[in-house]
């Protein structure tokens, strides 16, 4: 929240919507989790195509 300009803008937008700083942080954590989950889903789908990659993923 302190260094990344995109994150600063996100938190500022949430605070301007009337959320508290803690609520904005909670929203930020959820947004980060959604992005990470998408990345993990994509990598899991790619690893499932080749049986040799399954042993490496484990």
Protein backbone atom coordinates (compact mmCIF):
# COMPACT_ATOMS: atom_id res chain seq x y z
CA UNK A 1 0.00 0.00 0.00
CA UNK A 2 2.90 2.33 0.54
CA UNK A 3 4.97 1.82 -2.59
CA UNK A 4 2.92 0.52 -5.50
CA UNK A 5 1.03 3.29 -7.34
CA UNK A 6 -1.69 0.93 -8.59
CA UNK A 7 -2.31 -0.28 -5.04
CA UNK A 8 -2.36 3.27 -3.73
CA UNK A 9 -4.99 4.18 -6.31
CA UNK A 10 -7.07 1.11 -5.43
CA UNK A 11 -7.03 1.91 -1.70
CA UNK A 12 -7.76 5.59 -2.35
CA UNK A 13 -10.73 4.62 -4.51
CA UNK A 14 -12.09 2.35 -1.76
CA UNK A 15 -11.63 5.03 0.90
CA UNK A 16 -13.39 7.58 -1.33
CA UNK A 17 -16.31 5.11 -1.56
CA UNK A 18 -16.69 5.52 2.20
CA UNK A 19 -14.76 2.51 3.44
CA UNK A 20 -12.39 2.75 6.37
CA UNK A 21 -8.67 2.11 5.93
CA UNK A 22 -9.09 -1.36 7.43
CA UNK A 23 -11.96 -2.15 5.07
CA UNK A 24 -9.87 -0.96 2.13
CA UNK A 25 -7.05 -3.28 3.23
CA UNK A 26 -9.51 -6.16 3.45
CA UNK A 27 -10.73 -5.42 -0.08
CA UNK A 28 -7.13 -5.26 -1.27
CA UNK A 29 -6.35 -8.67 0.23
CA UNK A 30 -9.38 -10.15 -1.52
CA UNK A 31 -8.34 -8.63 -4.84
CA UNK A 32 -4.83 -10.06 -4.45
CA UNK A 33 -6.25 -13.49 -3.59
CA UNK A 34 -8.45 -13.43 -6.70
CA UNK A 35 -5.44 -12.63 -8.89
CA UNK A 36 -3.31 -15.35 -7.30
CA UNK A 37 -6.08 -17.91 -7.61
CA UNK A 38 -6.38 -17.19 -11.34
CA UNK A 39 -2.63 -17.64 -11.75
CA UNK A 40 -2.69 -20.92 -9.83
CA UNK A 41 -5.65 -22.21 -11.84
CA UNK A 42 -3.85 -21.43 -15.10
CA UNK A 43 -0.63 -23.11 -13.99
CA UNK A 44 -2.56 -26.14 -12.72
CA UNK A 45 -4.41 -26.46 -16.01
CA UNK A 46 -1.15 -26.23 -17.97
CA UNK A 47 0.57 -28.82 -15.76
CA UNK A 48 -2.30 -31.27 -16.18
CA UNK A 49 -1.75 -31.54 -19.93
CA UNK A 50 1.61 -33.30 -19.67
CA UNK A 51 1.93 -36.27 -17.26
CA UNK A 52 5.66 -35.61 -16.79
CA UNK A 53 4.90 -32.17 -15.34
CA UNK A 54 2.70 -33.68 -12.62
CA UNK A 55 5.69 -35.28 -10.92
CA UNK A 56 7.54 -31.96 -11.00
CA UNK A 57 4.58 -30.08 -9.54
CA UNK A 58 4.35 -32.48 -6.61
